[in-house]
PDB file of N, CA and C in Angstrom:
ATOM      1  N   UNK A   1     -17.840   6.037  17.163  1.00  0.00           N
ATOM      2  CA  UNK A   1     -18.327   7.367  16.979  1.00  0.00           C
ATOM      3  C   UNK A   1     -17.213   8.397  17.083  1.00  0.00           C
ATOM      4  N   UNK A   2     -17.168   9.222  16.168  1.00  0.00           N
ATOM      5  CA  UNK A   2     -16.120  10.184  16.181  1.00  0.00           C
ATOM      6  C   UNK A   2     -16.606  11.606  16.587  1.00  0.00           C
ATOM      7  N   UNK A   3     -16.252  11.921  17.908  1.00  0.00           N
ATOM      8  CA  UNK A   3     -16.729  13.203  18.380  1.00  0.00           C
ATOM      9  C   UNK A   3     -15.873  14.366  17.834  1.00  0.00           C
ATOM     10  N   UNK A   4     -16.633  15.475  17.638  1.00  0.00           N
ATOM     11  CA  UNK A   4     -15.816  16.713  17.374  1.00  0.00           C
ATOM     12  C   UNK A   4     -15.033  17.300  18.551  1.00  0.00           C
ATOM     13  N   UNK A   5     -14.015  17.853  18.380  1.00  0.00           N
ATOM     14  CA  UNK A   5     -13.194  18.328  19.425  1.00  0.00           C
ATOM     15  C   UNK A   5     -13.799  19.650  19.973  1.00  0.00           C
ATOM     16  N   UNK A   6     -13.965  19.617  21.297  1.00  0.00           N
ATOM     17  CA  UNK A   6     -14.405  20.724  21.910  1.00  0.00           C
ATOM     18  C   UNK A   6     -13.538  21.918  21.951  1.00  0.00           C
ATOM     19  N   UNK A   7     -14.221  23.109  21.977  1.00  0.00           N
ATOM     20  CA  UNK A   7     -13.318  24.432  22.086  1.00  0.00           C
ATOM     21  C   UNK A   7     -13.610  24.937  23.485  1.00  0.00           C
ATOM     22  N   UNK A   8     -12.517  25.203  24.215  1.00  0.00           N
ATOM     23  CA  UNK A   8     -12.665  25.740  25.553  1.00  0.00           C
ATOM     24  C   UNK A   8     -12.184  27.144  25.635  1.00  0.00           C
ATOM     25  N   UNK A   9     -12.627  28.011  26.453  1.00  0.00           N
ATOM     26  CA  UNK A   9     -12.489  29.399  26.612  1.00  0.00           C
ATOM     27  C   UNK A   9     -11.275  29.753  27.483  1.00  0.00           C
ATOM     28  N   UNK A  10     -10.878  30.951  27.537  1.00  0.00           N
ATOM     29  CA  UNK A  10      -9.544  31.360  28.205  1.00  0.00           C
ATOM     30  C   UNK A  10      -9.668  30.906  29.755  1.00  0.00           C
ATOM     31  N   UNK A  11     -10.809  31.192  30.418  1.00  0.00           N
ATOM     32  CA  UNK A  11     -10.882  30.912  31.861  1.00  0.00           C
ATOM     33  C   UNK A  11     -10.620  29.409  32.190  1.00  0.00           C
ATOM     34  N   UNK A  12     -11.112  28.562  31.287  1.00  0.00           N
ATOM     35  CA  UNK A  12     -11.013  27.204  31.543  1.00  0.00           C
ATOM     36  C   UNK A  12      -9.502  26.826  31.231  1.00  0.00           C
ATOM     37  N   UNK A  13      -8.960  27.332  30.174  1.00  0.00           N
ATOM     38  CA  UNK A  13      -7.509  26.994  29.953  1.00  0.00           C
ATOM     39  C   UNK A  13      -6.622  27.397  31.041  1.00  0.00           C
ATOM     40  N   UNK A  14      -6.774  28.541  31.569  1.00  0.00           N
ATOM     41  CA  UNK A  14      -5.959  28.983  32.624  1.00  0.00           C
ATOM     42  C   UNK A  14      -6.085  28.142  33.934  1.00  0.00           C
ATOM     43  N   UNK A  15      -7.522  27.725  34.260  1.00  0.00           N
ATOM     44  CA  UNK A  15      -7.739  26.991  35.398  1.00  0.00           C
ATOM     45  C   UNK A  15      -7.077  25.589  35.266  1.00  0.00           C
ATOM     46  N   UNK A  16      -7.191  25.037  34.030  1.00  0.00           N
ATOM     47  CA  UNK A  16      -6.492  23.685  33.794  1.00  0.00           C
ATOM     48  C   UNK A  16      -5.187  23.757  33.766  1.00  0.00           C
ATOM     49  N   UNK A  17      -4.415  24.748  33.178  1.00  0.00           N
ATOM     50  CA  UNK A  17      -2.918  24.690  33.060  1.00  0.00           C
ATOM     51  C   UNK A  17      -2.257  25.206  34.242  1.00  0.00           C
ATOM     52  N   UNK A  18      -2.844  26.158  35.026  1.00  0.00           N
ATOM     53  CA  UNK A  18      -2.223  26.771  36.053  1.00  0.00           C
ATOM     54  C   UNK A  18      -1.227  27.935  35.667  1.00  0.00           C
ATOM     55  N   UNK A  19      -1.441  28.289  34.189  1.00  0.00           N
ATOM     56  CA  UNK A  19      -0.547  29.277  33.805  1.00  0.00           C
ATOM     57  C   UNK A  19      -1.190  30.661  34.049  1.00  0.00           C
ATOM     58  N   UNK A  20      -0.323  31.764  34.021  1.00  0.00           N
ATOM     59  CA  UNK A  20      -0.847  33.065  34.007  1.00  0.00           C
ATOM     60  C   UNK A  20      -1.295  33.428  32.733  1.00  0.00           C
ATOM     61  N   UNK A  21      -2.048  34.418  32.427  1.00  0.00           N
ATOM     62  CA  UNK A  21      -2.442  34.876  31.129  1.00  0.00           C
ATOM     63  C   UNK A  21      -1.176  35.273  30.313  1.00  0.00           C
ATOM     64  N   UNK A  22      -0.309  36.093  30.922  1.00  0.00           N
ATOM     65  CA  UNK A  22       0.875  36.638  30.246  1.00  0.00           C
ATOM     66  C   UNK A  22       1.760  35.471  29.827  1.00  0.00           C
ATOM     67  N   UNK A  23       2.036  34.382  30.674  1.00  0.00           N
ATOM     68  CA  UNK A  23       2.849  33.380  30.409  1.00  0.00           C
ATOM     69  C   UNK A  23       2.285  32.615  29.327  1.00  0.00           C
ATOM     70  N   UNK A  24       1.013  32.314  29.333  1.00  0.00           N
ATOM     71  CA  UNK A  24       0.382  31.361  28.213  1.00  0.00           C
ATOM     72  C   UNK A  24       0.512  32.175  26.829  1.00  0.00           C
ATOM     73  N   UNK A  25       0.377  33.451  26.840  1.00  0.00           N
ATOM     74  CA  UNK A  25       0.400  34.106  25.512  1.00  0.00           C
ATOM     75  C   UNK A  25       1.847  34.090  25.031  1.00  0.00           C
ATOM     76  N   UNK A  26       2.907  34.325  26.076  1.00  0.00           N
ATOM     77  CA  UNK A  26       4.220  34.096  25.660  1.00  0.00           C
ATOM     78  C   UNK A  26       4.568  32.836  25.101  1.00  0.00           C
ATOM     79  N   UNK A  27       4.031  31.720  25.686  1.00  0.00           N
ATOM     80  CA  UNK A  27       4.343  30.380  25.252  1.00  0.00           C
ATOM     81  C   UNK A  27       3.635  30.174  23.857  1.00  0.00           C
ATOM     82  N   UNK A  28       2.452  30.806  23.585  1.00  0.00           N
ATOM     83  CA  UNK A  28       1.889  30.717  22.251  1.00  0.00           C
ATOM     84  C   UNK A  28       2.823  31.244  21.300  1.00  0.00           C
ATOM     85  N   UNK A  29       3.468  32.493  21.480  1.00  0.00           N
ATOM     86  CA  UNK A  29       4.315  33.093  20.528  1.00  0.00           C
ATOM     87  C   UNK A  29       5.527  32.224  20.231  1.00  0.00           C
ATOM     88  N   UNK A  30       6.139  31.585  21.274  1.00  0.00           N
ATOM     89  CA  UNK A  30       7.219  30.887  21.268  1.00  0.00           C
ATOM     90  C   UNK A  30       6.912  29.433  20.540  1.00  0.00           C
ATOM     91  N   UNK A  31       5.645  29.210  20.308  1.00  0.00           N
ATOM     92  CA  UNK A  31       5.232  27.874  19.758  1.00  0.00           C
ATOM     93  C   UNK A  31       5.227  26.662  20.707  1.00  0.00           C
ATOM     94  N   UNK A  32       5.200  26.976  22.088  1.00  0.00           N
ATOM     95  CA  UNK A  32       5.306  25.843  23.110  1.00  0.00           C
ATOM     96  C   UNK A  32       3.916  25.778  23.870  1.00  0.00           C
ATOM     97  N   UNK A  33       2.822  26.369  23.174  1.00  0.00           N
ATOM     98  CA  UNK A  33       1.482  26.145  23.684  1.00  0.00           C
ATOM     99  C   UNK A  33       0.659  26.256  22.632  1.00  0.00           C
ATOM    100  N   UNK A  34      -0.517  25.612  22.614  1.00  0.00           N
ATOM    101  CA  UNK A  34      -1.551  25.524  21.461  1.00  0.00           C
ATOM    102  C   UNK A  34      -2.003  26.961  21.097  1.00  0.00           C
ATOM    103  N   UNK A  35      -2.114  27.225  19.825  1.00  0.00           N
ATOM    104  CA  UNK A  35      -2.600  28.572  19.332  1.00  0.00           C
ATOM    105  C   UNK A  35      -4.255  28.569  19.537  1.00  0.00           C
ATOM    106  N   UNK A  36      -4.515  29.876  19.485  1.00  0.00           N
ATOM    107  CA  UNK A  36      -5.968  30.060  19.723  1.00  0.00           C
ATOM    108  C   UNK A  36      -6.753  29.794  18.344  1.00  0.00           C
ATOM    109  N   UNK A  37      -7.981  29.596  18.591  1.00  0.00           N
ATOM    110  CA  UNK A  37      -8.875  29.292  17.349  1.00  0.00           C
ATOM    111  C   UNK A  37     -10.050  30.394  17.355  1.00  0.00           C
ATOM    112  N   UNK A  38     -10.154  31.020  16.270  1.00  0.00           N
ATOM    113  CA  UNK A  38     -11.285  32.061  16.202  1.00  0.00           C
ATOM    114  C   UNK A  38     -12.579  31.261  16.295  1.00  0.00           C
ATOM    115  N   UNK A  39     -13.488  31.796  17.098  1.00  0.00           N
ATOM    116  CA  UNK A  39     -14.937  31.185  17.216  1.00  0.00           C
ATOM    117  C   UNK A  39     -15.989  32.207  17.063  1.00  0.00           C
ATOM    118  N   UNK A  40     -15.697  33.552  16.909  1.00  0.00           N
ATOM    119  CA  UNK A  40     -16.582  34.450  16.499  1.00  0.00           C
ATOM    120  C   UNK A  40     -15.733  35.730  15.992  1.00  0.00           C
ATOM    121  N   UNK A  41     -16.544  36.868  15.724  1.00  0.00           N
ATOM    122  CA  UNK A  41     -15.886  37.918  15.471  1.00  0.00           C
ATOM    123  C   UNK A  41     -14.815  38.570  16.527  1.00  0.00           C
ATOM    124  N   UNK A  42     -15.209  38.345  17.826  1.00  0.00           N
ATOM    125  CA  UNK A  42     -14.381  38.884  18.740  1.00  0.00           C
ATOM    126  C   UNK A  42     -13.948  37.819  19.784  1.00  0.00           C
ATOM    127  N   UNK A  43     -14.243  36.671  19.564  1.00  0.00           N
ATOM    128  CA  UNK A  43     -13.959  35.469  20.491  1.00  0.00           C
ATOM    129  C   UNK A  43     -13.138  34.471  19.957  1.00  0.00           C
ATOM    130  N   UNK A  44     -12.317  33.888  20.910  1.00  0.00           N
ATOM    131  CA  UNK A  44     -11.317  32.828  20.541  1.00  0.00           C
ATOM    132  C   UNK A  44     -11.505  31.700  21.603  1.00  0.00           C
ATOM    133  N   UNK A  45     -10.938  30.655  21.269  1.00  0.00           N
ATOM    134  CA  UNK A  45     -10.767  29.596  22.139  1.00  0.00           C
ATOM    135  C   UNK A  45      -9.711  28.591  21.845  1.00  0.00           C
ATOM    136  N   UNK A  46      -9.602  27.547  22.514  1.00  0.00           N
ATOM    137  CA  UNK A  46      -8.557  26.502  22.265  1.00  0.00           C
ATOM    138  C   UNK A  46      -9.177  25.141  22.173  1.00  0.00           C
ATOM    139  N   UNK A  47      -8.556  24.281  21.251  1.00  0.00           N
ATOM    140  CA  UNK A  47      -9.094  22.910  21.117  1.00  0.00           C
ATOM    141  C   UNK A  47      -8.650  22.158  22.324  1.00  0.00           C
ATOM    142  N   UNK A  48      -9.637  21.528  23.019  1.00  0.00           N
ATOM    143  CA  UNK A  48      -9.425  20.863  24.187  1.00  0.00           C
ATOM    144  C   UNK A  48      -8.315  19.717  24.093  1.00  0.00           C
ATOM    145  N   UNK A  49      -8.397  19.057  22.987  1.00  0.00           N
ATOM    146  CA  UNK A  49      -7.307  18.046  22.797  1.00  0.00           C
ATOM    147  C   UNK A  49      -5.930  18.561  22.721  1.00  0.00           C
ATOM    148  N   UNK A  50      -5.737  19.848  22.110  1.00  0.00           N
ATOM    149  CA  UNK A  50      -4.439  20.371  22.178  1.00  0.00           C
ATOM    150  C   UNK A  50      -4.009  20.771  23.493  1.00  0.00           C
ATOM    151  N   UNK A  51      -4.817  21.311  24.337  1.00  0.00           N
ATOM    152  CA  UNK A  51      -4.488  21.726  25.686  1.00  0.00           C
ATOM    153  C   UNK A  51      -4.214  20.495  26.501  1.00  0.00           C
ATOM    154  N   UNK A  52      -5.057  19.485  26.253  1.00  0.00           N
ATOM    155  CA  UNK A  52      -4.777  18.208  27.097  1.00  0.00           C
ATOM    156  C   UNK A  52      -3.424  17.518  26.683  1.00  0.00           C
ATOM    157  N   UNK A  53      -2.998  17.710  25.433  1.00  0.00           N
ATOM    158  CA  UNK A  53      -1.633  17.265  25.054  1.00  0.00           C
ATOM    159  C   UNK A  53      -0.640  18.071  25.770  1.00  0.00           C
ATOM    160  N   UNK A  54      -0.771  19.404  25.799  1.00  0.00           N
ATOM    161  CA  UNK A  54       0.117  20.223  26.512  1.00  0.00           C
ATOM    162  C   UNK A  54       0.151  19.828  27.892  1.00  0.00           C
ATOM    163  N   UNK A  55      -0.882  19.801  28.729  1.00  0.00           N
ATOM    164  CA  UNK A  55      -0.943  19.333  30.035  1.00  0.00           C
ATOM    165  C   UNK A  55      -0.290  17.973  30.286  1.00  0.00           C
ATOM    166  N   UNK A  56      -0.426  17.104  29.351  1.00  0.00           N
ATOM    167  CA  UNK A  56       0.279  15.632  29.579  1.00  0.00           C
ATOM    168  C   UNK A  56       1.808  15.807  29.538  1.00  0.00           C
ATOM    169  N   UNK A  57       2.324  16.658  28.734  1.00  0.00           N
ATOM    170  CA  UNK A  57       3.819  16.878  28.579  1.00  0.00           C
ATOM    171  C   UNK A  57       4.218  18.328  28.085  1.00  0.00           C
ATOM    172  N   UNK A  58       4.153  19.273  29.172  1.00  0.00           N
ATOM    173  CA  UNK A  58       4.402  20.613  28.662  1.00  0.00           C
ATOM    174  C   UNK A  58       5.757  20.878  28.140  1.00  0.00           C
ATOM    175  N   UNK A  59       6.731  20.130  28.669  1.00  0.00           N
ATOM    176  CA  UNK A  59       8.197  20.434  28.212  1.00  0.00           C
ATOM    177  C   UNK A  59       8.481  19.883  26.847  1.00  0.00           C
ATOM    178  N   UNK A  60       7.733  18.939  26.409  1.00  0.00           N
ATOM    179  CA  UNK A  60       7.925  18.478  24.938  1.00  0.00           C
ATOM    180  C   UNK A  60       6.898  18.973  23.930  1.00  0.00           C
ATOM    181  N   UNK A  61       6.002  19.824  24.430  1.00  0.00           N
ATOM    182  CA  UNK A  61       4.927  20.260  23.387  1.00  0.00           C
ATOM    183  C   UNK A  61       5.496  21.182  22.502  1.00  0.00           C
ATOM    184  N   UNK A  62       5.213  21.003  21.161  1.00  0.00           N
ATOM    185  CA  UNK A  62       5.644  21.952  20.094  1.00  0.00           C
ATOM    186  C   UNK A  62       4.394  22.089  19.225  1.00  0.00           C
ATOM    187  N   UNK A  63       4.067  23.358  18.775  1.00  0.00           N
ATOM    188  CA  UNK A  63       2.911  23.579  17.958  1.00  0.00           C
ATOM    189  C   UNK A  63       3.354  23.195  16.609  1.00  0.00           C
ATOM    190  N   UNK A  64       2.532  22.451  15.872  1.00  0.00           N
ATOM    191  CA  UNK A  64       2.658  22.215  14.413  1.00  0.00           C
ATOM    192  C   UNK A  64       2.423  23.359  13.679  1.00  0.00           C
ATOM    193  N   UNK A  65       3.416  24.109  13.124  1.00  0.00           N
ATOM    194  CA  UNK A  65       3.159  25.261  12.409  1.00  0.00           C
ATOM    195  C   UNK A  65       3.040  25.027  10.905  1.00  0.00           C
ATOM    196  N   UNK A  66       2.027  25.409  10.317  1.00  0.00           N
ATOM    197  CA  UNK A  66       1.920  25.365   8.857  1.00  0.00           C
ATOM    198  C   UNK A  66       1.762  26.836   8.259  1.00  0.00           C
ATOM    199  N   UNK A  67       2.846  27.187   7.638  1.00  0.00           N
ATOM    200  CA  UNK A  67       2.971  28.590   7.252  1.00  0.00           C
ATOM    201  C   UNK A  67       3.377  28.495   5.827  1.00  0.00           C
TER     202      UNK A  67
END
């Protein structure tokens, strides 16, 4: 069975990674942390699998940018 990827919110991401909010957003801009996913008009989250990949190897993580 193929389960859909869960979306986790900011507090959960910060708790799991141990990063401060400002450090996390700086890393997103640098492309060294997963990007946010829009989930509503004013809400965002992160794919749990992407956050888990970052946790497993933060130094090697690079966001796959499609531009």
